[in-house]
């Protein structure tokens, strides 16, 4: 009876053991991570997740040595040495080669156990390939941007937002500040400023806005000298710490250039004032005798007080009159240009009838046009709009361009004057002649003062070379532009464009 009881107890214990083994095996097989049992350097158990991780068919892992799957044999030796020394491993990163040849990264955590009377190792694994790839990409990105920062010609500096401690400074920063890295990193950025108290207010402003642009800071060099800089500052997180990244530039030369420019401007203004005063005096002094010369020569040509005697005296009187008139026109042009350049040419703006301006200017040049056998035609100017402009200056613009066209138009041909409202709303006035034309390389040059092109045709034309320059300046003073379009042998177009906001609508 006792023997039967013993047998019964033994069977019960075996059943319980089997049930326990079944429970633990079920637990291992359903575990969410790969689990293995290693004895004598070989796998003696692996759950389903392990086979999936290693990329081998079920059952083919058992009996194989662990080192077979290590991508680096030296890494296997280090892992074995660590396990032998420590007895337990926590989150050891190793690279293994799957059955399909792919390389993956895993972390291994293991502990020693006794299995079937043999020293063994029970281990769990986690696939960290994605995390490793991300980490490597992050490191590569950091290396790339650090290389860019170090090679930047602009000084770059990163400081803690809290106390201004310098965390990073690139090579250009060290060069500009004339200090080695050991003398910069870890120091407060305020120690390099002429006004250290300003750092906290800047940090506060950046914390509120996130940035600060074109902030001027006086920096100090080791020898005590200072120099002006302009900074662009941004709020960032650097190594997990709220920080400020700043790019700055030495503006010493810029400040010097600004000072030189200011001085040059003052000197130019003083010179212009002197020139204007001189021209005003000379204008008065020269106009009086010139007007007398012109007046007396007119009386002589008209023989107001009787015959002059020899007929050659009449020819001389005409020459004197023409020369005096030319000098007076030249004097007027020079004075006008001087006033424009000095900014003394004031505009009295009113609503100007552009059609009346054109017709009046045609009347001024009509006699010269008839002498040159040149016909002047206008097109649809009865419907031309009105213009907000200085009436006198508007006449001078048109008159200068029209006079120029009459001078250079080939005899027997004509001049056409057009107007149009562009899609932009601007008013376009075009004076088109049939003259010899202008080479493309000379178009910009003829708009400069005292410029006259030399050619067989132009040699017979009188002029100061100021008409186009004055017209251009007056047009630009109204916010417009003067364009010259020309084709050698076919003629020239002078195109005046006034801004849309000056166009007042059609004439009634």
Protein backbone atom coordinates (compact mmCIF):
# COMPACT_ATOMS: atom_id res chain seq x y z
CA UNK A 1 0.00 0.00 0.00
CA UNK A 2 2.87 2.32 0.83
CA UNK A 3 4.54 1.60 -2.55
CA UNK A 4 1.31 2.48 -4.40
CA UNK A 5 1.08 5.74 -2.48
CA UNK A 6 4.65 6.63 -3.36
CA UNK A 7 3.98 5.91 -7.04
CA UNK A 8 0.86 8.01 -6.94
CA UNK A 9 2.71 10.91 -5.34
CA UNK A 10 5.50 10.61 -7.94
CA UNK A 11 3.05 10.71 -10.84
CA UNK A 12 1.35 13.70 -9.31
CA UNK A 13 4.66 15.52 -8.98
CA UNK A 14 5.54 14.64 -12.60
CA UNK A 15 2.16 15.95 -13.75
CA UNK A 16 2.64 19.14 -11.78
CA UNK A 17 6.13 19.54 -13.24
CA UNK A 18 4.81 19.05 -16.73
CA UNK A 19 2.05 21.52 -16.10
CA UNK A 20 4.59 24.01 -14.71
CA UNK A 21 6.92 23.44 -17.67
CA UNK A 22 3.97 23.94 -20.04
CA UNK A 23 3.01 27.18 -18.34
CA UNK A 24 6.54 28.60 -18.50
CA UNK A 25 7.06 27.42 -22.07
CA UNK A 26 3.76 29.05 -23.02
CA UNK A 27 4.90 32.19 -21.24
CA UNK A 28 8.23 32.19 -23.13
CA UNK A 29 6.62 31.47 -26.50
CA UNK A 30 4.06 34.25 -26.14
CA UNK A 31 6.55 36.78 -24.78
CA UNK A 32 6.60 40.04 -26.85
CA UNK A 33 10.43 40.01 -27.12
CA UNK A 34 12.95 37.47 -28.37
CA UNK A 35 14.17 35.16 -25.57
CA UNK A 36 16.97 32.56 -25.72
CA UNK A 37 18.69 30.06 -23.45
CA UNK A 38 22.42 29.59 -24.04
CA UNK A 39 24.63 26.82 -22.72
CA UNK A 40 28.29 26.24 -23.59
CA UNK A 41 28.11 29.01 -26.18
CA UNK A 42 25.20 27.40 -28.06
CA UNK A 43 21.51 28.16 -28.32
CA UNK A 44 19.49 25.44 -26.57
CA UNK A 45 16.18 27.29 -26.62
CA UNK A 46 14.72 30.18 -28.64
CA UNK A 47 11.13 31.44 -28.74
CA UNK A 48 9.20 32.36 -31.87
CA UNK A 49 10.18 36.09 -31.71
CA UNK A 50 13.86 35.08 -31.79
CA UNK A 51 13.45 33.17 -35.06
CA UNK A 52 11.67 36.14 -36.57
CA UNK A 53 14.44 38.49 -35.39
CA UNK A 54 17.28 36.26 -36.61
CA UNK A 55 15.57 35.46 -39.92
CA UNK A 56 16.00 31.69 -39.71
CA UNK A 57 13.36 28.91 -39.91
CA UNK A 58 11.91 27.49 -36.72
CA UNK A 59 14.19 25.02 -34.99
CA UNK A 60 17.32 25.85 -37.03
CA UNK A 61 18.77 28.01 -34.29
CA UNK A 62 19.12 25.24 -31.73
CA UNK A 63 22.61 23.83 -31.35
CA UNK A 64 24.26 26.68 -33.28
CA UNK A 65 26.99 28.76 -31.68
CA UNK A 66 26.16 32.33 -30.72
CA UNK A 67 29.29 33.69 -32.39
CA UNK A 68 27.91 32.65 -35.79
CA UNK A 69 25.49 35.55 -35.69
CA UNK A 70 27.84 38.25 -34.48
CA UNK A 71 28.84 40.65 -37.27
CA UNK A 72 32.10 41.42 -35.47
CA UNK A 73 33.97 38.48 -33.85
CA UNK A 74 35.77 40.90 -31.54
CA UNK A 75 32.39 42.20 -30.32
CA UNK A 76 31.43 38.61 -29.43
CA UNK A 77 34.65 38.17 -27.48
CA UNK A 78 34.02 41.40 -25.56
CA UNK A 79 30.44 40.36 -24.78
CA UNK A 80 31.63 36.94 -23.55
CA UNK A 81 34.31 38.54 -21.39
CA UNK A 82 31.81 40.95 -19.93
CA UNK A 83 29.34 38.15 -19.14
CA UNK A 84 32.11 36.11 -17.52
CA UNK A 85 33.26 39.03 -15.43
CA UNK A 86 29.95 40.57 -14.44
CA UNK A 87 27.70 37.51 -14.58
CA UNK A 88 24.88 39.74 -15.74
CA UNK A 89 24.57 42.11 -18.73
CA UNK A 90 22.22 45.06 -19.04
CA UNK A 91 21.35 46.56 -22.46
CA UNK A 92 24.53 45.53 -24.28
CA UNK A 93 24.44 46.86 -27.86
CA UNK A 94 25.66 44.36 -30.48
CA UNK A 95 25.41 44.06 -34.26
CA UNK A 96 24.25 40.69 -35.59
CA UNK A 97 23.85 39.22 -39.04
CA UNK A 98 20.47 37.70 -39.86
CA UNK A 99 20.02 34.51 -41.79
CA UNK A 100 19.29 36.57 -44.94
CA UNK A 101 22.59 38.44 -44.55
CA UNK A 102 21.08 41.68 -43.30
CA UNK A 103 22.86 43.48 -40.45
CA UNK A 104 20.78 44.65 -37.50
CA UNK A 105 21.47 46.18 -34.12
CA UNK A 106 20.06 44.69 -30.88
CA UNK A 107 20.37 45.27 -27.17
CA UNK A 108 20.96 42.19 -25.03
CA UNK A 109 20.11 41.82 -21.36
CA UNK A 110 21.13 38.52 -19.76
CA UNK A 111 21.49 36.67 -16.46
CA UNK A 112 23.26 33.42 -15.47
CA UNK A 113 21.10 30.40 -14.50
CA UNK A 114 21.57 26.65 -13.90
CA UNK A 115 19.71 24.53 -16.48
CA UNK A 116 19.80 20.76 -16.40
CA UNK A 117 22.68 21.06 -14.00
CA UNK A 118 24.73 23.13 -16.42
CA UNK A 119 25.75 26.82 -16.09
CA UNK A 120 23.64 28.62 -18.68
CA UNK A 121 22.59 32.12 -19.73
CA UNK A 122 19.05 33.34 -20.13
CA UNK A 123 18.85 36.42 -22.44
CA UNK A 124 16.29 38.82 -23.86
CA UNK A 125 16.82 40.96 -26.98
CA UNK A 126 15.32 44.11 -28.48
CA UNK A 127 15.74 45.27 -32.10
CA UNK A 128 17.18 48.82 -32.03
CA UNK A 129 18.16 49.05 -35.72
CA UNK A 130 15.79 51.97 -36.42
CA UNK A 131 16.98 53.83 -33.33
CA UNK A 132 20.61 53.22 -34.32
CA UNK A 133 19.99 54.50 -37.83
CA UNK A 134 18.31 57.59 -36.45
CA UNK A 135 21.15 58.14 -34.01
CA UNK A 136 23.73 57.79 -36.80
CA UNK A 137 21.77 60.16 -39.01
CA UNK A 138 21.61 62.61 -36.13
CA UNK A 139 25.36 62.33 -35.55
CA UNK A 140 26.05 62.75 -39.25
CA UNK A 141 23.79 65.80 -39.34
CA UNK A 142 25.60 67.23 -36.33
CA UNK A 143 28.99 66.56 -37.95
CA UNK A 144 27.83 68.16 -41.19
CA UNK A 145 26.43 71.29 -39.56
CA UNK A 146 29.42 71.59 -37.25
CA UNK A 147 31.66 71.49 -40.32
CA UNK A 148 29.55 74.22 -41.93
CA UNK A 149 29.64 76.32 -38.75
CA UNK A 150 33.41 75.92 -38.41
CA UNK A 151 34.02 76.94 -42.02
CA UNK A 152 31.57 79.87 -41.88
CA UNK A 153 33.14 83.27 -42.56
CA UNK A 154 30.61 84.74 -40.11
CA UNK A 155 31.29 84.47 -36.36
CA UNK A 156 28.81 82.10 -34.67
CA UNK A 157 28.36 81.71 -30.92
CA UNK A 158 25.96 79.75 -28.68
CA UNK A 159 25.30 80.81 -25.10
CA UNK A 160 23.06 79.68 -22.26
CA UNK A 161 19.94 81.78 -22.08
CA UNK A 162 20.01 81.80 -18.30
CA UNK A 163 23.48 83.19 -17.53
CA UNK A 164 25.16 83.79 -20.90
CA UNK A 165 27.75 81.02 -20.51
CA UNK A 166 29.38 80.35 -23.90
CA UNK A 167 28.73 76.77 -25.02
CA UNK A 168 30.14 76.98 -28.55
CA UNK A 169 32.15 79.39 -30.68
CA UNK A 170 33.28 78.73 -34.23
CA UNK A 171 36.73 79.40 -35.68
CA UNK A 172 35.75 82.82 -37.04
CA UNK A 173 34.58 83.92 -33.58
CA UNK A 174 37.98 83.04 -32.12
CA UNK A 175 39.66 84.98 -34.93
CA UNK A 176 37.52 88.09 -34.49
CA UNK A 177 37.75 88.08 -30.68
CA UNK A 178 41.49 87.30 -30.86
CA UNK A 179 41.21 84.53 -28.26
CA UNK A 180 41.79 80.79 -28.05
CA UNK A 181 38.94 78.35 -27.40
CA UNK A 182 40.02 77.85 -23.79
CA UNK A 183 39.59 81.58 -23.23
CA UNK A 184 36.05 81.60 -24.67
CA UNK A 185 34.18 78.37 -23.88
CA UNK A 186 32.68 78.43 -20.39
CA UNK A 187 33.08 82.19 -20.03
CA UNK A 188 30.16 84.61 -19.86
CA UNK A 189 29.44 86.40 -23.13
CA UNK A 190 28.99 89.57 -21.08
CA UNK A 191 32.72 89.56 -20.32
CA UNK A 192 33.39 90.28 -24.01
CA UNK A 193 30.98 93.25 -24.13
CA UNK A 194 31.65 96.90 -23.50
CA UNK A 195 28.28 97.07 -21.70
CA UNK A 196 27.80 93.75 -19.81
CA UNK A 197 24.52 94.94 -18.27
CA UNK A 198 22.84 94.78 -21.67
CA UNK A 199 23.02 90.96 -21.85
CA UNK A 200 20.10 90.30 -19.50
CA UNK A 201 17.76 92.68 -21.31
CA UNK A 202 18.63 91.03 -24.63
CA UNK A 203 18.03 87.56 -23.16
CA UNK A 204 14.62 88.71 -21.88
CA UNK A 205 13.68 90.16 -25.27
CA UNK A 206 14.72 86.95 -27.04
CA UNK A 207 12.78 84.81 -24.57
CA UNK A 208 9.65 86.86 -25.35
CA UNK A 209 10.04 87.19 -29.13
CA UNK A 210 12.26 84.24 -29.96
CA UNK A 211 14.71 86.44 -31.87
CA UNK A 212 16.49 89.78 -32.03
CA UNK A 213 17.76 91.22 -35.31
CA UNK A 214 20.40 93.86 -36.08
CA UNK A 215 21.27 94.36 -32.44
CA UNK A 216 24.35 96.57 -32.16
CA UNK A 217 26.85 95.54 -29.47
CA UNK A 218 30.27 97.01 -28.70
CA UNK A 219 32.73 94.11 -28.25
CA UNK A 220 36.09 94.20 -26.43
CA UNK A 221 39.44 92.73 -27.42
CA UNK A 222 42.08 91.40 -24.97
CA UNK A 223 44.10 94.61 -25.25
CA UNK A 224 41.11 96.66 -24.09
CA UNK A 225 40.20 98.15 -27.47
CA UNK A 226 36.59 97.93 -28.59
CA UNK A 227 34.82 97.65 -31.93
CA UNK A 228 31.18 97.84 -33.06
CA UNK A 229 29.30 94.71 -34.12
CA UNK A 230 25.78 93.93 -35.29
CA UNK A 231 24.17 90.70 -34.04
CA UNK A 232 21.33 88.47 -35.20
CA UNK A 233 20.14 86.34 -32.25
CA UNK A 234 17.77 83.36 -32.09
CA UNK A 235 16.37 81.26 -29.23
CA UNK A 236 17.21 77.51 -29.52
CA UNK A 237 17.55 74.33 -27.45
CA UNK A 238 21.19 73.21 -27.34
CA UNK A 239 22.06 69.94 -25.63
CA UNK A 240 18.71 70.09 -23.89
CA UNK A 241 19.35 73.58 -22.48
CA UNK A 242 17.55 76.82 -23.50
CA UNK A 243 20.19 78.74 -25.41
CA UNK A 244 20.81 81.64 -27.79
CA UNK A 245 22.61 81.28 -31.09
CA UNK A 246 24.09 84.47 -32.45
CA UNK A 247 25.74 85.49 -35.68
CA UNK A 248 27.60 88.77 -35.60
CA UNK A 249 29.64 90.99 -37.87
CA UNK A 250 32.36 93.54 -37.27
CA UNK A 251 30.98 96.81 -38.68
CA UNK A 252 34.02 98.97 -37.99
CA UNK A 253 34.66 99.50 -41.71
CA UNK A 254 30.96 100.12 -42.31
CA UNK A 255 30.90 102.78 -39.59
CA UNK A 256 34.04 104.33 -41.03
CA UNK A 257 32.50 104.29 -44.50
CA UNK A 258 29.31 105.88 -43.16
CA UNK A 259 31.35 108.62 -41.51
CA UNK A 260 33.34 109.18 -44.69
CA UNK A 261 30.12 109.25 -46.70
CA UNK A 262 28.55 111.74 -44.28
CA UNK A 263 31.60 113.97 -44.51
CA UNK A 264 31.67 113.65 -48.30
CA UNK A 265 27.97 114.51 -48.46
CA UNK A 266 28.49 117.57 -46.29
CA UNK A 267 31.43 118.64 -48.43
CA UNK A 268 29.41 118.04 -51.61
CA UNK A 269 26.48 120.03 -50.24
CA UNK A 270 28.83 122.87 -49.32
CA UNK A 271 30.39 122.71 -52.80
CA UNK A 272 26.94 122.69 -54.41
CA UNK A 273 25.90 125.67 -52.34
CA UNK A 274 29.06 127.51 -53.38
CA UNK A 275 28.51 126.52 -57.01
CA UNK A 276 24.89 127.62 -56.92
CA UNK A 277 25.85 130.95 -55.39
CA UNK A 278 28.58 131.41 -57.99
CA UNK A 279 26.27 130.57 -60.87
CA UNK A 280 23.56 132.86 -59.55
CA UNK A 281 26.02 135.76 -59.40
CA UNK A 282 27.52 134.95 -62.79
CA UNK A 283 24.09 134.53 -64.29
CA UNK A 284 23.17 138.03 -63.21
CA UNK A 285 26.51 139.46 -64.28
CA UNK A 286 26.41 137.76 -67.69
CA UNK A 287 22.71 138.09 -68.52
CA UNK A 288 22.80 141.89 -68.32
CA UNK A 289 25.52 142.46 -70.98
CA UNK A 290 24.22 139.56 -73.11
CA UNK A 291 20.72 141.01 -73.19
CA UNK A 292 22.24 144.35 -74.16
CA UNK A 293 24.26 142.70 -76.94
CA UNK A 294 21.21 140.84 -78.24
CA UNK A 295 19.05 143.96 -78.05
CA UNK A 296 21.54 146.24 -79.81
CA UNK A 297 22.24 143.63 -82.50
CA UNK A 298 18.50 143.35 -83.20
CA UNK A 299 18.31 147.14 -83.57
CA UNK A 300 21.29 147.03 -85.96
CA UNK A 301 19.82 144.26 -88.11
CA UNK A 302 16.51 146.16 -88.25
CA UNK A 303 18.41 149.40 -89.03
CA UNK A 304 16.36 151.32 -86.48
CA UNK A 305 18.59 154.40 -86.72
CA UNK A 306 19.31 154.14 -90.43
CA UNK A 307 21.74 152.33 -92.73
CA UNK A 308 24.86 150.73 -91.21
CA UNK A 309 27.08 151.65 -94.08
CA UNK A 310 28.80 148.66 -95.56
CA UNK A 311 26.49 145.66 -96.09
CA UNK A 312 28.91 143.37 -94.28
CA UNK A 313 28.02 145.19 -91.07
CA UNK A 314 24.50 143.75 -91.36
CA UNK A 315 25.90 140.23 -91.61
CA UNK A 316 28.08 140.86 -88.58
CA UNK A 317 25.08 142.14 -86.62
CA UNK A 318 23.18 138.89 -87.39
CA UNK A 319 26.18 136.83 -86.25
CA UNK A 320 26.41 138.85 -83.04
CA UNK A 321 22.70 138.37 -82.37
CA UNK A 322 22.84 134.59 -82.99
CA UNK A 323 25.97 134.16 -80.88
CA UNK A 324 24.50 136.18 -78.01
CA UNK A 325 21.25 134.19 -78.15
CA UNK A 326 23.22 130.91 -78.10
CA UNK A 327 25.26 132.05 -75.10
CA UNK A 328 22.11 133.12 -73.23
CA UNK A 329 20.45 129.73 -73.89
CA UNK A 330 23.61 127.92 -72.75
CA UNK A 331 23.75 130.03 -69.60
CA UNK A 332 20.10 129.25 -68.85
CA UNK A 333 20.66 125.49 -69.36
CA UNK A 334 23.72 125.46 -67.10
CA UNK A 335 21.86 127.34 -64.38
CA UNK A 336 18.85 124.99 -64.63
CA UNK A 337 21.05 121.90 -64.42
CA UNK A 338 22.91 123.35 -61.46
CA UNK A 339 19.64 124.00 -59.64
CA UNK A 340 18.47 120.43 -60.32
CA UNK A 341 21.72 118.87 -59.08
CA UNK A 342 21.67 121.03 -55.96
CA UNK A 343 18.04 120.14 -55.27
CA UNK A 344 16.95 123.76 -55.60
CA UNK A 345 14.61 123.17 -58.53
CA UNK A 346 11.23 123.39 -56.81
CA UNK A 347 7.99 122.04 -58.29
CA UNK A 348 4.70 123.91 -58.11
CA UNK A 349 2.34 121.10 -58.99
CA UNK A 350 -1.00 121.72 -60.63
CA UNK A 351 -3.31 119.91 -63.04
CA UNK A 352 -1.65 120.31 -66.44
CA UNK A 353 -3.39 119.93 -69.80
CA UNK A 354 -0.84 117.77 -71.62
CA UNK A 355 -2.39 118.55 -75.01
CA UNK A 356 -1.94 122.29 -74.45
CA UNK A 357 1.66 121.74 -73.31
CA UNK A 358 2.49 119.82 -76.51
CA UNK A 359 0.80 122.36 -78.80
CA UNK A 360 2.54 125.29 -77.11
CA UNK A 361 5.94 123.60 -77.45
CA UNK A 362 5.26 122.86 -81.13
CA UNK A 363 4.63 126.60 -81.58
CA UNK A 364 8.05 127.39 -80.07
CA UNK A 365 9.92 125.13 -82.54
CA UNK A 366 7.66 125.54 -85.57
CA UNK A 367 9.86 128.16 -87.27
CA UNK A 368 12.99 126.03 -86.92
CA UNK A 369 11.04 123.01 -88.18
CA UNK A 370 9.92 124.88 -91.32
CA UNK A 371 13.51 126.04 -91.97
CA UNK A 372 14.63 122.37 -91.78
CA UNK A 373 11.66 121.19 -93.88
CA UNK A 374 10.43 119.01 -91.01
CA UNK A 375 6.73 118.29 -90.48
CA UNK A 376 5.43 117.82 -86.87
CA UNK A 377 2.29 115.76 -86.34
CA UNK A 378 0.32 114.93 -83.20
CA UNK A 379 -2.03 111.97 -82.79
CA UNK A 380 -5.37 112.13 -80.90
CA UNK A 381 -4.16 114.69 -78.37
CA UNK A 382 -7.66 116.12 -78.07
CA UNK A 383 -8.41 113.08 -75.88
CA UNK A 384 -5.16 113.17 -73.93
CA UNK A 385 -5.47 113.05 -70.11
CA UNK A 386 -4.49 115.73 -67.68
CA UNK A 387 -1.42 115.39 -65.52
CA UNK A 388 -0.50 116.43 -61.98
CA UNK A 389 2.81 118.18 -62.61
CA UNK A 390 4.74 121.44 -62.59
CA UNK A 391 3.45 123.21 -65.70
CA UNK A 392 6.71 125.05 -66.44
CA UNK A 393 8.82 121.90 -66.03
CA UNK A 394 6.40 119.82 -68.12
CA UNK A 395 6.83 122.37 -70.94
CA UNK A 396 10.60 122.28 -70.58
CA UNK A 397 10.63 118.46 -70.80
CA UNK A 398 8.59 118.40 -74.00
CA UNK A 399 10.36 121.44 -75.49
CA UNK A 400 13.86 120.00 -74.88
CA UNK A 401 12.92 116.66 -76.47
CA UNK A 402 11.08 118.29 -79.36
CA UNK A 403 13.93 120.76 -80.02
CA UNK A 404 16.37 117.87 -80.08
CA UNK A 405 14.16 115.96 -82.53
CA UNK A 406 13.84 118.98 -84.86
CA UNK A 407 17.63 119.49 -84.85
CA UNK A 408 18.43 115.94 -85.88
CA UNK A 409 15.48 114.92 -88.06
CA UNK A 410 16.40 114.45 -91.71
CA UNK A 411 15.01 117.31 -93.86
CA UNK A 412 11.95 116.34 -95.87
CA UNK A 413 10.74 113.88 -93.21
CA UNK A 414 8.69 114.42 -90.07
CA UNK A 415 8.23 114.05 -86.32
CA UNK A 416 5.30 112.17 -84.77
CA UNK A 417 4.06 112.68 -81.22
CA UNK A 418 1.93 109.97 -79.55
CA UNK A 419 0.41 109.35 -76.13
CA UNK A 420 -0.97 106.23 -74.47
CA UNK A 421 -2.14 104.92 -71.10
CA UNK A 422 -0.26 101.71 -70.28
CA UNK A 423 -1.79 98.67 -68.59
CA UNK A 424 -0.10 99.85 -65.38
CA UNK A 425 -2.00 103.16 -65.58
CA UNK A 426 1.16 105.14 -66.45
CA UNK A 427 1.06 107.90 -69.05
CA UNK A 428 3.45 107.38 -71.96
CA UNK A 429 4.46 110.26 -74.23
CA UNK A 430 6.49 109.35 -77.36
CA UNK A 431 8.33 111.77 -79.66
CA UNK A 432 9.46 109.86 -82.77
CA UNK A 433 11.87 111.38 -85.30
CA UNK A 434 13.40 110.24 -88.61
CA UNK A 435 16.95 111.24 -87.84
CA UNK A 436 20.23 109.35 -88.27
CA UNK A 437 19.65 107.30 -85.11
CA UNK A 438 21.98 106.58 -82.22
CA UNK A 439 24.29 103.56 -81.79
CA UNK A 440 23.11 101.36 -78.90
CA UNK A 441 26.39 101.84 -77.01
CA UNK A 442 25.89 105.64 -77.02
CA UNK A 443 22.26 105.79 -75.82
CA UNK A 444 23.04 105.97 -72.10
CA UNK A 445 25.91 108.40 -72.73
CA UNK A 446 23.78 111.00 -74.52
CA UNK A 447 21.69 111.41 -71.37
CA UNK A 448 24.76 112.69 -69.52
CA UNK A 449 25.41 116.47 -69.33
CA UNK A 450 27.55 118.08 -72.07
CA UNK A 451 27.49 114.94 -74.22
CA UNK A 452 27.15 115.35 -78.00
CA UNK A 453 27.78 112.57 -80.49
CA UNK A 454 30.20 113.25 -83.30
CA UNK A 455 29.06 112.37 -86.81
CA UNK A 456 28.91 114.02 -90.25
CA UNK A 457 25.25 114.85 -89.63
CA UNK A 458 25.58 116.15 -86.07
CA UNK A 459 28.56 118.36 -86.75
CA UNK A 460 26.27 120.99 -88.29
CA UNK A 461 23.89 120.97 -85.29
CA UNK A 462 24.37 123.53 -82.56
CA UNK A 463 23.76 122.68 -78.93
CA UNK A 464 25.19 122.51 -75.44
CA UNK A 465 24.55 118.84 -74.83
CA UNK A 466 22.40 119.67 -71.80
CA UNK A 467 18.86 119.37 -73.18
CA UNK A 468 18.39 115.62 -72.72
CA UNK A 469 20.14 115.62 -69.31
CA UNK A 470 17.82 118.37 -68.05
CA UNK A 471 14.74 116.61 -69.44
CA UNK A 472 15.77 113.34 -67.79
CA UNK A 473 16.30 115.03 -64.40
CA UNK A 474 12.95 116.84 -64.57
CA UNK A 475 11.09 113.64 -65.53
CA UNK A 476 12.73 111.72 -62.67
CA UNK A 477 11.84 114.58 -60.31
CA UNK A 478 8.20 113.77 -61.13
CA UNK A 479 8.78 110.10 -60.31
CA UNK A 480 8.88 109.11 -63.98
CA UNK A 481 11.55 107.96 -66.41
CA UNK A 482 12.97 108.92 -69.80
CA UNK A 483 13.89 106.12 -72.22
CA UNK A 484 15.67 106.50 -75.54
CA UNK A 485 15.04 103.87 -78.22
CA UNK A 486 16.96 104.25 -81.45
CA UNK A 487 17.82 102.42 -84.65
CA UNK A 488 20.77 103.69 -86.66
CA UNK A 489 19.60 104.98 -90.03
CA UNK A 490 15.90 104.89 -89.11
CA UNK A 491 15.41 107.38 -86.28
CA UNK A 492 14.97 107.78 -82.54
CA UNK A 493 12.11 107.61 -80.01
CA UNK A 494 12.18 109.68 -76.84
CA UNK A 495 9.73 108.01 -74.43
CA UNK A 496 8.55 109.86 -71.33
CA UNK A 497 6.65 107.79 -68.73
CA UNK A 498 4.78 109.50 -65.86
CA UNK A 499 3.52 107.49 -62.82
CA UNK A 500 -0.10 106.35 -62.76
CA UNK A 501 -0.88 108.40 -59.64
CA UNK A 502 -0.19 111.59 -61.63
CA UNK A 503 -2.74 110.83 -64.35
CA UNK A 504 -5.89 112.85 -63.71
CA UNK A 505 -8.28 111.55 -66.36
CA UNK A 506 -9.37 112.56 -69.84
CA UNK A 507 -9.75 116.12 -71.02
CA UNK A 508 -13.29 117.39 -71.22
